[in-house]
Protein backbone atom coordinates (compact mmCIF):
# COMPACT_ATOMS: atom_id res chain seq x y z
CA UNK A 1 0.03 -0.01 -0.02
CA UNK A 2 1.60 3.29 -1.12
CA UNK A 3 1.20 6.73 0.32
CA UNK A 4 -0.55 9.69 -1.21
CA UNK A 5 2.31 12.09 -0.62
CA UNK A 6 0.09 15.18 -0.80
CA UNK A 7 -1.59 14.24 2.40
CA UNK A 8 0.67 11.49 3.87
CA UNK A 9 -2.23 9.01 4.02
CA UNK A 10 -2.46 5.52 2.57
CA UNK A 11 -3.82 5.24 -0.99
CA UNK A 12 -6.57 2.96 0.52
CA UNK A 13 -8.25 6.13 1.89
CA UNK A 14 -8.73 7.57 -1.58
CA UNK A 15 -12.15 5.94 -2.32
CA UNK A 16 -13.60 7.43 0.85
CA UNK A 17 -12.18 10.83 -0.04
CA UNK A 18 -13.50 10.60 -3.53
CA UNK A 19 -16.98 9.66 -2.03
CA UNK A 20 -16.94 12.53 0.36
CA UNK A 21 -15.98 15.03 -2.34
CA UNK A 22 -18.65 13.70 -4.64
CA UNK A 23 -21.30 14.14 -1.90
CA UNK A 24 -20.03 17.74 -1.29
CA UNK A 25 -20.15 18.53 -4.97
CA UNK A 26 -23.61 17.01 -5.30
CA UNK A 27 -24.84 19.07 -2.30
CA UNK A 28 -23.45 22.28 -3.82
CA UNK A 29 -25.08 21.64 -7.07
CA UNK A 30 -28.58 20.95 -5.64
CA UNK A 31 -28.61 23.63 -2.94
CA UNK A 32 -30.08 27.08 -3.81
CA UNK A 33 -30.10 28.61 -0.32
CA UNK A 34 -28.65 27.11 2.86
CA UNK A 35 -25.45 25.74 4.26
CA UNK A 36 -23.16 22.78 4.08
CA UNK A 37 -21.11 21.79 7.08
CA UNK A 38 -18.25 19.32 6.82
CA UNK A 39 -16.98 17.51 9.92
CA UNK A 40 -13.40 16.40 9.90
CA UNK A 41 -11.77 13.96 12.38
CA UNK A 42 -8.08 13.21 12.21
CA UNK A 43 -7.84 14.69 8.73
CA UNK A 44 -10.76 12.72 7.29
CA UNK A 45 -14.30 13.75 6.37
CA UNK A 46 -16.65 11.85 8.67
CA UNK A 47 -19.92 13.78 8.36
CA UNK A 48 -21.63 16.12 5.93
CA UNK A 49 -24.66 18.25 7.09
CA UNK A 50 -26.75 19.96 4.44
CA UNK A 51 -29.35 22.51 5.59
CA UNK A 52 -31.67 23.97 3.01
CA UNK A 53 -33.52 27.17 3.56
CA UNK A 54 -36.97 27.61 2.03
CA UNK A 55 -38.57 31.02 2.04
CA UNK A 56 -42.22 31.61 1.23
CA UNK A 57 -43.72 34.90 0.01
CA UNK A 58 -46.55 36.57 1.88
């Protein structure tokens, strides 16, 4: 198992990173108003919270 020198982590972590980045990208594309919070533990994405705001006219 080699190391990804840009982060110093095993290459085996790459699929999880790719999955997290894809989820973030998808959230950004779908979200019109709101926020995205990414939780990191020990340099790894472990949670993604997407909050959508919906406003209704009077």
